[in-house]
Protein backbone atom coordinates (compact mmCIF):
# COMPACT_ATOMS: atom_id res chain seq x y z
CA UNK A 1 112.32 184.99 114.36
CA UNK A 2 111.27 181.59 115.99
CA UNK A 3 109.97 180.16 113.07
CA UNK A 4 111.97 176.60 112.75
CA UNK A 5 112.19 178.13 108.69
CA UNK A 6 114.44 181.28 110.21
CA UNK A 7 116.98 178.16 110.82
CA UNK A 8 117.52 178.45 107.24
CA UNK A 9 119.48 182.08 107.57
CA UNK A 10 121.96 180.81 109.83
CA UNK A 11 124.47 179.76 107.65
CA UNK A 12 124.55 183.43 106.47
CA UNK A 13 124.79 185.07 109.83
CA UNK A 14 127.65 182.90 111.04
CA UNK A 15 129.87 183.43 108.05
CA UNK A 16 129.39 187.50 108.19
CA UNK A 17 130.17 187.24 111.60
CA UNK A 18 133.37 185.51 111.36
CA UNK A 19 133.92 188.48 108.48
CA UNK A 20 134.97 190.31 111.91
CA UNK A 21 138.50 190.33 112.49
CA UNK A 22 138.08 190.18 116.54
CA UNK A 23 135.14 187.05 116.01
CA UNK A 24 137.29 185.45 113.14
CA UNK A 25 140.15 184.99 115.73
CA UNK A 26 138.35 184.57 118.61
CA UNK A 27 136.40 181.40 116.81
CA UNK A 28 139.14 180.56 115.68
CA UNK A 29 141.34 180.32 118.50
CA UNK A 30 138.76 179.43 121.44
CA UNK A 31 135.73 177.55 119.70
CA UNK A 32 135.14 174.14 119.26
CA UNK A 33 132.55 174.12 116.77
CA UNK A 34 134.38 171.82 114.32
CA UNK A 35 134.16 169.22 117.04
CA UNK A 36 130.91 170.54 118.54
CA UNK A 37 129.25 171.57 115.79
CA UNK A 38 125.65 170.51 116.69
CA UNK A 39 125.71 170.89 120.70
CA UNK A 40 127.11 174.00 119.88
CA UNK A 41 124.78 175.49 117.41
CA UNK A 42 121.72 174.27 119.94
CA UNK A 43 123.56 176.21 122.76
CA UNK A 44 123.68 179.63 120.89
CA UNK A 45 119.91 178.80 119.61
CA UNK A 46 119.09 178.78 123.59
CA UNK A 47 120.56 181.53 124.22
CA UNK A 48 119.17 183.93 121.46
CA UNK A 49 115.84 182.49 122.00
CA UNK A 50 116.02 183.53 125.69
CA UNK A 51 116.81 187.06 124.76
CA UNK A 52 114.12 187.51 122.33
CA UNK A 53 111.56 185.27 124.11
CA UNK A 54 112.34 185.29 128.11
CA UNK A 55 111.21 187.36 130.51
CA UNK A 56 112.95 190.63 131.08
CA UNK A 57 114.87 189.13 134.05
CA UNK A 58 115.92 185.97 132.24
CA UNK A 59 117.27 187.93 129.25
CA UNK A 60 119.34 190.22 131.67
CA UNK A 61 120.47 187.12 133.25
CA UNK A 62 121.73 185.61 129.74
CA UNK A 63 123.35 188.84 129.16
CA UNK A 64 125.46 188.47 132.22
CA UNK A 65 126.34 185.05 131.58
CA UNK A 66 127.39 185.91 128.10
CA UNK A 67 129.84 188.39 129.18
CA UNK A 68 131.10 186.37 131.83
CA UNK A 69 131.85 183.74 129.18
CA UNK A 70 133.31 185.86 126.75
CA UNK A 71 135.64 188.14 129.18
CA UNK A 72 138.21 185.38 129.24
CA UNK A 73 138.73 185.03 125.26
CA UNK A 74 141.29 187.31 124.09
CA UNK A 75 144.39 186.79 122.55
CA UNK A 76 146.77 188.03 119.40
CA UNK A 77 145.86 187.06 115.76
CA UNK A 78 147.96 185.61 113.05
CA UNK A 79 148.25 189.23 111.97
CA UNK A 80 149.98 189.94 115.68
CA UNK A 81 146.68 192.24 116.71
CA UNK A 82 145.65 191.94 119.98
CA UNK A 83 141.69 191.15 120.47
CA UNK A 84 139.45 190.19 123.16
CA UNK A 85 135.82 189.22 122.81
CA UNK A 86 133.84 191.78 124.40
CA UNK A 87 135.25 194.75 122.09
CA UNK A 88 132.38 196.79 121.78
CA UNK A 89 132.24 196.77 117.87
CA UNK A 90 132.44 193.21 117.81
CA UNK A 91 129.60 192.79 120.15
CA UNK A 92 127.73 195.05 117.56
CA UNK A 93 128.66 193.19 114.87
CA UNK A 94 127.71 189.72 115.83
CA UNK A 95 124.19 191.24 116.80
CA UNK A 96 123.91 193.35 113.27
CA UNK A 97 124.56 190.21 111.37
CA UNK A 98 121.56 188.30 112.95
CA UNK A 99 119.05 191.08 112.49
CA UNK A 100 120.55 191.64 108.78
CA UNK A 101 120.62 188.02 108.14
CA UNK A 102 116.60 187.68 109.19
CA UNK A 103 115.93 191.17 107.18
CA UNK A 104 117.95 190.04 103.79
CA UNK A 105 116.28 186.62 103.89
CA UNK A 106 113.36 187.05 105.40
CA UNK A 107 111.68 188.09 102.18
CA UNK A 108 112.49 184.79 100.52
CA UNK A 109 111.01 182.43 103.34
CA UNK A 110 108.45 183.69 104.69
CA UNK A 111 132.76 166.55 108.41
CA UNK A 112 130.91 167.46 112.00
CA UNK A 113 129.41 165.02 114.52
CA UNK A 114 126.30 163.85 113.85
CA UNK A 115 123.38 165.36 115.43
CA UNK A 116 121.70 163.37 118.86
CA UNK A 117 120.24 160.13 117.40
CA UNK A 118 121.58 159.67 114.24
CA UNK A 119 124.28 156.77 113.60
CA UNK A 120 127.35 157.91 113.28
CA UNK A 121 128.06 155.82 110.13
CA UNK A 122 124.75 157.36 108.51
CA UNK A 123 126.01 160.84 109.35
CA UNK A 124 129.14 160.42 107.41
CA UNK A 125 127.23 159.58 104.33
CA UNK A 126 125.04 162.46 104.77
CA UNK A 127 126.67 165.24 105.85
CA UNK A 128 128.87 165.73 102.96
CA UNK A 129 126.41 166.62 100.20
CA UNK A 130 123.83 167.99 103.36
CA UNK A 131 127.01 170.64 103.82
CA UNK A 132 128.03 170.91 100.21
CA UNK A 133 124.11 171.95 99.56
CA UNK A 134 124.18 174.30 102.60
CA UNK A 135 127.27 176.21 101.27
CA UNK A 136 125.70 176.56 97.64
CA UNK A 137 122.65 178.04 98.75
CA UNK A 138 124.24 180.25 101.22
CA UNK A 139 126.86 181.69 98.47
CA UNK A 140 124.36 183.74 96.74
CA UNK A 141 122.96 185.52 99.75
CA UNK A 142 126.25 187.22 100.76
CA UNK A 143 127.20 190.78 100.33
CA UNK A 144 128.74 191.30 97.20
CA UNK A 145 131.69 193.00 98.33
CA UNK A 146 132.16 189.84 100.77
CA UNK A 147 132.27 187.42 97.78
CA UNK A 148 135.01 189.73 96.35
CA UNK A 149 137.70 189.94 99.15
CA UNK A 150 137.08 185.83 99.56
CA UNK A 151 137.53 185.29 95.86
CA UNK A 152 133.97 183.61 95.49
CA UNK A 153 132.16 184.16 92.54
CA UNK A 154 127.85 183.09 92.07
CA UNK A 155 126.48 182.20 89.02
CA UNK A 156 122.78 182.66 87.75
CA UNK A 157 122.79 178.72 88.26
CA UNK A 158 123.58 178.77 91.36
CA UNK A 159 121.11 182.08 92.16
CA UNK A 160 118.31 180.08 91.22
CA UNK A 161 119.58 177.22 93.33
CA UNK A 162 118.94 178.99 96.29
CA UNK A 163 116.08 180.96 94.79
CA UNK A 164 114.56 177.56 95.16
CA UNK A 165 115.71 176.71 98.12
CA UNK A 166 113.94 179.48 100.01
CA UNK A 167 110.78 178.74 97.81
CA UNK A 168 110.07 175.25 98.62
CA UNK A 169 110.92 176.17 102.75
CA UNK A 170 108.28 179.22 102.39
CA UNK A 171 106.20 176.31 101.28
CA UNK A 172 106.51 174.29 103.98
CA UNK A 173 106.82 176.98 106.41
CA UNK A 174 102.85 177.94 105.21
CA UNK A 175 101.69 174.74 105.26
CA UNK A 176 102.62 174.11 109.03
CA UNK A 177 100.31 175.26 111.64
CA UNK A 178 101.25 177.51 114.26
CA UNK A 179 101.64 174.72 116.64
CA UNK A 180 104.64 173.54 114.52
CA UNK A 181 106.22 176.60 113.02
CA UNK A 182 107.47 177.96 115.83
CA UNK A 183 110.64 176.70 117.96
CA UNK A 184 109.36 175.83 121.25
CA UNK A 185 110.73 178.62 123.28
CA UNK A 186 108.99 181.04 120.65
CA UNK A 187 105.94 179.03 120.29
CA UNK A 188 105.39 179.33 124.39
CA UNK A 189 105.65 183.08 124.21
CA UNK A 190 103.01 183.34 121.90
CA UNK A 191 100.62 181.20 123.94
CA UNK A 192 101.55 183.20 127.09
CA UNK A 193 100.82 186.37 124.76
CA UNK A 194 97.75 185.38 123.47
CA UNK A 195 96.49 184.11 127.10
CA UNK A 196 97.71 187.90 128.22
CA UNK A 197 95.58 189.51 125.34
CA UNK A 198 92.64 187.30 125.91
CA UNK A 199 92.71 188.33 129.32
CA UNK A 200 93.06 192.13 128.86
CA UNK A 201 90.44 192.32 126.04
CA UNK A 202 87.68 191.10 128.39
CA UNK A 203 85.02 193.67 129.80
C-alpha cells in the first residue's frame, strides 16, 4: 500500500465494491463519478491514505467525516429494496474489497472528464483506448463467480495481456527509487518512521 504501482489494482476493487447491492445502488443514485471521475478518485485516494498513513487523530477525524457524509445516503433501489450507506455489511464489503485487491494482485506487481492540466481535446482522443485497455486488463483479475454473474468471459489472450501489464508495472516500480516509488502521503509517513527508528536506535 502506498506505492504508485498499487493504483493499478484500483479498478478491480471498484468493480467488486459495486457488486454489493447497497453500494451499487448508492453509487448509481448518489455518486457523481461519471462527470467528476478524477477529482472523485483523488478524494477517495486521499481519504484512504489518511486512514493508513495519518496520525491516530487524523484517521479518527477522517472516519467521523466519512460517516457524516454517508449518513444522508439512503433510498430505494430498482428492486424496491431500501438501502442506507451506513449498512454495516456494505461498509465491511468496501473495506474487504480494498484489502482483497491488494492481496490478490499484489504478487503481480510487486468518457470521463480529463485529469487536471490535460487539454480536453487531447483527452477526448486519448481516453477511449485507455478505458478499453483498463477494462481488458481488469476483467481477467475478477473472481470467476463474478464473471459468470455478469456474463463476461476471459480468454487466455486476455490473461496473457493482464500478466504483461502487471509485469511491466512491477519492472517500472523496481526501477524507481524510494523517493518516487511512493505516493506523497506514504513517502512522508515512511520518512517519519525512519527518523523515529533512527532516534530509538541511538544509544
